[in-house]
Amino acid sequence: MIVYEVSIEVDRALGDAYADWLRAHVAQMLRFDGFVAAQRYERSDVADDAPRRSFVIAYRLRDQAALDAYLDQHASAMRADGERRFGGRFSASRRVLREL
């Protein structure tokens, strides 16, 4: 089992719209083979008056092969959807965690 973690910072003015879109986006991600579960978080250490809201999504995947298949076959289209809707008003970083 591995965790594919996506950290997102979005302009505060778009925060609610982004959170709504993110709910549907995560549901779509869970349809890909090997995606087992996902949990959405909003960082609690970001001040309420900060210019950006910060979200973290932790996807649990069956194995590295499932992540590799997603990255090869689906990642660019999934990322492009967010860019079309919110382009330039958010940033995302990703990391992969392997269970010990």
N, C-alpha and C. Protein backbone atom coordinates (compact mmCIF):
# COMPACT_ATOMS: atom_id res chain seq x y z
N MET A 1 0.86 -1.18 0.00
CA MET A 1 0.00 0.00 0.00
C MET A 1 0.90 1.24 0.00
N ILE A 2 0.52 2.20 -0.83
CA ILE A 2 1.25 3.47 -0.84
C ILE A 2 0.25 4.62 -0.72
N VAL A 3 0.77 5.76 -0.35
CA VAL A 3 -0.03 6.98 -0.26
C VAL A 3 0.50 7.96 -1.29
N TYR A 4 -0.41 8.47 -2.08
CA TYR A 4 -0.10 9.53 -3.05
C TYR A 4 -0.74 10.79 -2.47
N GLU A 5 0.10 11.70 -2.01
CA GLU A 5 -0.38 12.89 -1.31
C GLU A 5 -0.26 14.11 -2.21
N VAL A 6 -1.35 14.85 -2.31
CA VAL A 6 -1.39 16.06 -3.11
C VAL A 6 -1.69 17.23 -2.18
N SER A 7 -0.79 18.20 -2.14
CA SER A 7 -0.97 19.41 -1.33
C SER A 7 -1.29 20.56 -2.25
N ILE A 8 -2.34 21.30 -1.92
CA ILE A 8 -2.85 22.35 -2.80
C ILE A 8 -3.00 23.64 -2.01
N GLU A 9 -2.59 24.73 -2.62
CA GLU A 9 -2.84 26.06 -2.08
C GLU A 9 -3.64 26.82 -3.13
N VAL A 10 -4.77 27.39 -2.71
CA VAL A 10 -5.67 28.06 -3.64
C VAL A 10 -6.01 29.44 -3.10
N ASP A 11 -6.14 30.41 -3.98
CA ASP A 11 -6.53 31.75 -3.56
C ASP A 11 -7.78 31.68 -2.70
N ARG A 12 -7.75 32.37 -1.59
CA ARG A 12 -8.85 32.30 -0.62
C ARG A 12 -10.20 32.60 -1.27
N ALA A 13 -10.26 33.54 -2.19
CA ALA A 13 -11.54 33.90 -2.83
C ALA A 13 -12.15 32.73 -3.58
N LEU A 14 -11.33 31.79 -4.01
CA LEU A 14 -11.81 30.61 -4.74
C LEU A 14 -11.95 29.38 -3.86
N GLY A 15 -11.65 29.51 -2.59
CA GLY A 15 -11.57 28.35 -1.70
C GLY A 15 -12.80 27.48 -1.69
N ASP A 16 -13.98 28.06 -1.55
CA ASP A 16 -15.21 27.25 -1.50
C ASP A 16 -15.49 26.58 -2.83
N ALA A 17 -15.33 27.31 -3.92
CA ALA A 17 -15.56 26.72 -5.25
C ALA A 17 -14.56 25.61 -5.51
N TYR A 18 -13.33 25.81 -5.10
CA TYR A 18 -12.31 24.78 -5.30
C TYR A 18 -12.63 23.54 -4.46
N ALA A 19 -13.03 23.75 -3.22
CA ALA A 19 -13.38 22.62 -2.34
C ALA A 19 -14.54 21.82 -2.93
N ASP A 20 -15.52 22.48 -3.51
CA ASP A 20 -16.64 21.78 -4.16
C ASP A 20 -16.15 20.97 -5.35
N TRP A 21 -15.33 21.58 -6.20
CA TRP A 21 -14.78 20.87 -7.35
C TRP A 21 -13.92 19.70 -6.89
N LEU A 22 -13.14 19.91 -5.83
CA LEU A 22 -12.23 18.89 -5.34
C LEU A 22 -12.99 17.63 -4.89
N ARG A 23 -14.14 17.80 -4.30
CA ARG A 23 -14.96 16.66 -3.86
C ARG A 23 -15.27 15.74 -5.05
N ALA A 24 -15.70 16.33 -6.15
CA ALA A 24 -16.01 15.55 -7.36
C ALA A 24 -14.74 14.98 -7.99
N HIS A 25 -13.66 15.75 -7.97
CA HIS A 25 -12.39 15.30 -8.54
C HIS A 25 -11.88 14.06 -7.81
N VAL A 26 -11.94 14.08 -6.48
CA VAL A 26 -11.49 12.94 -5.69
C VAL A 26 -12.35 11.71 -6.00
N ALA A 27 -13.65 11.89 -6.12
CA ALA A 27 -14.54 10.77 -6.46
C ALA A 27 -14.15 10.17 -7.81
N GLN A 28 -13.80 11.02 -8.75
CA GLN A 28 -13.38 10.53 -10.07
C GLN A 28 -12.05 9.77 -9.97
N MET A 29 -11.13 10.27 -9.17
CA MET A 29 -9.85 9.59 -8.99
C MET A 29 -10.05 8.18 -8.43
N LEU A 30 -11.01 8.04 -7.53
CA LEU A 30 -11.24 6.74 -6.90
C LEU A 30 -11.78 5.70 -7.87
N ARG A 31 -12.17 6.10 -9.05
CA ARG A 31 -12.62 5.15 -10.07
C ARG A 31 -11.45 4.49 -10.81
N PHE A 32 -10.26 5.06 -10.70
CA PHE A 32 -9.11 4.48 -11.38
C PHE A 32 -8.66 3.20 -10.67
N ASP A 33 -8.26 2.22 -11.47
CA ASP A 33 -7.82 0.94 -10.94
C ASP A 33 -6.68 1.13 -9.95
N GLY A 34 -6.80 0.51 -8.81
CA GLY A 34 -5.75 0.55 -7.80
C GLY A 34 -5.92 1.63 -6.76
N PHE A 35 -6.81 2.61 -6.98
CA PHE A 35 -7.08 3.62 -5.96
C PHE A 35 -8.08 3.01 -4.97
N VAL A 36 -7.68 2.92 -3.73
CA VAL A 36 -8.46 2.21 -2.72
C VAL A 36 -9.30 3.16 -1.87
N ALA A 37 -8.75 4.29 -1.51
CA ALA A 37 -9.44 5.24 -0.63
C ALA A 37 -8.77 6.60 -0.76
N ALA A 38 -9.48 7.61 -0.25
CA ALA A 38 -8.91 8.96 -0.23
C ALA A 38 -9.49 9.71 0.95
N GLN A 39 -8.70 10.60 1.49
CA GLN A 39 -9.15 11.46 2.57
C GLN A 39 -8.75 12.88 2.23
N ARG A 40 -9.72 13.80 2.34
CA ARG A 40 -9.46 15.22 2.09
C ARG A 40 -9.27 15.93 3.43
N TYR A 41 -8.31 16.83 3.47
CA TYR A 41 -8.02 17.61 4.66
C TYR A 41 -7.89 19.08 4.28
N GLU A 42 -8.20 19.94 5.23
CA GLU A 42 -7.81 21.35 5.10
C GLU A 42 -6.85 21.60 6.25
N ARG A 43 -5.72 22.21 5.92
CA ARG A 43 -4.71 22.44 6.96
C ARG A 43 -5.26 23.39 8.02
N SER A 44 -5.09 23.02 9.27
CA SER A 44 -5.59 23.83 10.38
C SER A 44 -4.56 24.83 10.87
N ASP A 45 -3.33 24.74 10.38
CA ASP A 45 -2.28 25.66 10.83
C ASP A 45 -2.14 26.88 9.93
N VAL A 46 -3.09 27.07 9.01
CA VAL A 46 -3.08 28.25 8.13
C VAL A 46 -4.06 29.26 8.71
N ALA A 47 -3.60 30.47 8.90
CA ALA A 47 -4.43 31.52 9.50
C ALA A 47 -5.66 31.82 8.66
N ASP A 48 -6.76 32.14 9.32
CA ASP A 48 -8.01 32.45 8.63
C ASP A 48 -7.89 33.65 7.69
N ASP A 49 -6.94 34.55 7.97
CA ASP A 49 -6.78 35.72 7.11
C ASP A 49 -5.63 35.56 6.10
N ALA A 50 -5.09 34.36 6.00
CA ALA A 50 -4.02 34.10 5.01
C ALA A 50 -4.60 34.26 3.60
N PRO A 51 -3.78 34.65 2.64
CA PRO A 51 -4.28 34.88 1.28
C PRO A 51 -4.68 33.61 0.54
N ARG A 52 -4.28 32.46 1.05
CA ARG A 52 -4.60 31.20 0.39
C ARG A 52 -5.10 30.18 1.40
N ARG A 53 -5.98 29.29 0.92
CA ARG A 53 -6.39 28.13 1.71
C ARG A 53 -5.54 26.95 1.27
N SER A 54 -5.35 26.02 2.17
CA SER A 54 -4.46 24.90 1.90
C SER A 54 -5.17 23.57 2.16
N PHE A 55 -5.21 22.73 1.13
CA PHE A 55 -5.85 21.43 1.21
C PHE A 55 -4.81 20.34 0.98
N VAL A 56 -5.06 19.18 1.58
CA VAL A 56 -4.21 18.00 1.36
C VAL A 56 -5.14 16.83 1.10
N ILE A 57 -4.84 16.07 0.05
CA ILE A 57 -5.59 14.86 -0.24
C ILE A 57 -4.61 13.71 -0.16
N ALA A 58 -4.97 12.70 0.62
CA ALA A 58 -4.15 11.49 0.76
C ALA A 58 -4.89 10.34 0.10
N TYR A 59 -4.39 9.92 -1.07
CA TYR A 59 -4.95 8.79 -1.78
C TYR A 59 -4.20 7.53 -1.37
N ARG A 60 -4.92 6.48 -1.07
CA ARG A 60 -4.29 5.19 -0.79
C ARG A 60 -4.42 4.34 -2.04
N LEU A 61 -3.30 3.81 -2.47
CA LEU A 61 -3.26 2.98 -3.68
C LEU A 61 -2.74 1.59 -3.34
N ARG A 62 -3.18 0.64 -4.14
CA ARG A 62 -2.81 -0.76 -3.95
C ARG A 62 -1.30 -0.95 -4.00
N ASP A 63 -0.65 -0.32 -5.00
CA ASP A 63 0.79 -0.52 -5.16
C ASP A 63 1.36 0.53 -6.12
N GLN A 64 2.66 0.49 -6.28
CA GLN A 64 3.34 1.45 -7.15
C GLN A 64 2.90 1.30 -8.60
N ALA A 65 2.61 0.08 -9.02
CA ALA A 65 2.17 -0.14 -10.41
C ALA A 65 0.87 0.62 -10.69
N ALA A 66 -0.04 0.66 -9.73
CA ALA A 66 -1.30 1.40 -9.90
C ALA A 66 -1.02 2.90 -10.04
N LEU A 67 -0.11 3.42 -9.24
CA LEU A 67 0.26 4.83 -9.35
C LEU A 67 0.93 5.11 -10.69
N ASP A 68 1.84 4.23 -11.10
CA ASP A 68 2.51 4.42 -12.38
C ASP A 68 1.51 4.44 -13.53
N ALA A 69 0.52 3.55 -13.49
CA ALA A 69 -0.51 3.51 -14.54
C ALA A 69 -1.31 4.81 -14.55
N TYR A 70 -1.67 5.30 -13.37
CA TYR A 70 -2.39 6.57 -13.30
C TYR A 70 -1.54 7.70 -13.89
N LEU A 71 -0.30 7.79 -13.47
CA LEU A 71 0.58 8.87 -13.94
C LEU A 71 0.78 8.80 -15.45
N ASP A 72 0.91 7.61 -16.00
CA ASP A 72 1.12 7.44 -17.44
C ASP A 72 -0.14 7.69 -18.27
N GLN A 73 -1.30 7.29 -17.76
CA GLN A 73 -2.51 7.27 -18.57
C GLN A 73 -3.53 8.36 -18.26
N HIS A 74 -3.55 8.88 -17.03
CA HIS A 74 -4.65 9.76 -16.64
C HIS A 74 -4.25 11.09 -16.01
N ALA A 75 -3.06 11.18 -15.47
CA ALA A 75 -2.68 12.35 -14.67
C ALA A 75 -2.79 13.65 -15.44
N SER A 76 -2.29 13.69 -16.69
CA SER A 76 -2.32 14.97 -17.40
C SER A 76 -3.73 15.46 -17.63
N ALA A 77 -4.66 14.58 -17.96
CA ALA A 77 -6.05 15.01 -18.18
C ALA A 77 -6.69 15.47 -16.87
N MET A 78 -6.42 14.76 -15.79
CA MET A 78 -7.01 15.15 -14.50
C MET A 78 -6.46 16.49 -14.03
N ARG A 79 -5.19 16.71 -14.21
CA ARG A 79 -4.57 17.98 -13.81
C ARG A 79 -5.06 19.12 -14.71
N ALA A 80 -5.24 18.84 -15.99
CA ALA A 80 -5.69 19.86 -16.93
C ALA A 80 -7.08 20.38 -16.59
N ASP A 81 -7.92 19.53 -16.05
CA ASP A 81 -9.27 19.97 -15.67
C ASP A 81 -9.19 21.06 -14.60
N GLY A 82 -8.37 20.87 -13.60
CA GLY A 82 -8.19 21.90 -12.58
C GLY A 82 -7.61 23.18 -13.14
N GLU A 83 -6.65 23.04 -14.06
CA GLU A 83 -6.05 24.22 -14.69
C GLU A 83 -7.09 24.99 -15.50
N ARG A 84 -7.95 24.29 -16.23
CA ARG A 84 -8.99 24.97 -17.02
C ARG A 84 -9.92 25.77 -16.12
N ARG A 85 -10.26 25.20 -14.98
CA ARG A 85 -11.22 25.84 -14.09
C ARG A 85 -10.61 26.93 -13.22
N PHE A 86 -9.39 26.70 -12.74
CA PHE A 86 -8.80 27.58 -11.74
C PHE A 86 -7.39 28.05 -12.10
N GLY A 87 -7.01 27.90 -13.35
CA GLY A 87 -5.65 28.17 -13.80
C GLY A 87 -4.99 29.40 -13.21
N GLY A 88 -3.80 29.22 -12.73
CA GLY A 88 -3.01 30.32 -12.20
C GLY A 88 -3.40 30.79 -10.82
N ARG A 89 -4.48 30.24 -10.26
CA ARG A 89 -4.93 30.71 -8.95
C ARG A 89 -4.78 29.65 -7.87
N PHE A 90 -4.02 28.60 -8.21
CA PHE A 90 -3.70 27.57 -7.22
C PHE A 90 -2.36 26.94 -7.59
N SER A 91 -1.78 26.26 -6.64
CA SER A 91 -0.56 25.50 -6.89
C SER A 91 -0.72 24.14 -6.21
N ALA A 92 -0.04 23.15 -6.76
CA ALA A 92 -0.12 21.80 -6.20
C ALA A 92 1.27 21.17 -6.18
N SER A 93 1.52 20.43 -5.13
CA SER A 93 2.75 19.63 -5.05
C SER A 93 2.33 18.22 -4.65
N ARG A 94 3.17 17.27 -5.00
CA ARG A 94 2.81 15.87 -4.78
C ARG A 94 4.00 15.12 -4.18
N ARG A 95 3.67 14.09 -3.40
CA ARG A 95 4.72 13.19 -2.91
C ARG A 95 4.11 11.80 -2.74
N VAL A 96 4.98 10.82 -2.74
CA VAL A 96 4.56 9.43 -2.61
C VAL A 96 5.19 8.87 -1.34
N LEU A 97 4.36 8.21 -0.54
CA LEU A 97 4.82 7.62 0.72
C LEU A 97 4.60 6.11 0.64
N ARG A 98 5.61 5.37 1.02
CA ARG A 98 5.52 3.92 1.03
C ARG A 98 5.43 3.43 2.46
N GLU A 99 4.52 2.51 2.69
CA GLU A 99 4.32 1.96 4.03
C GLU A 99 5.54 1.12 4.42
N LEU A 100 5.98 1.28 5.65
CA LEU A 100 7.13 0.48 6.15
C LEU A 100 6.66 -0.81 6.77
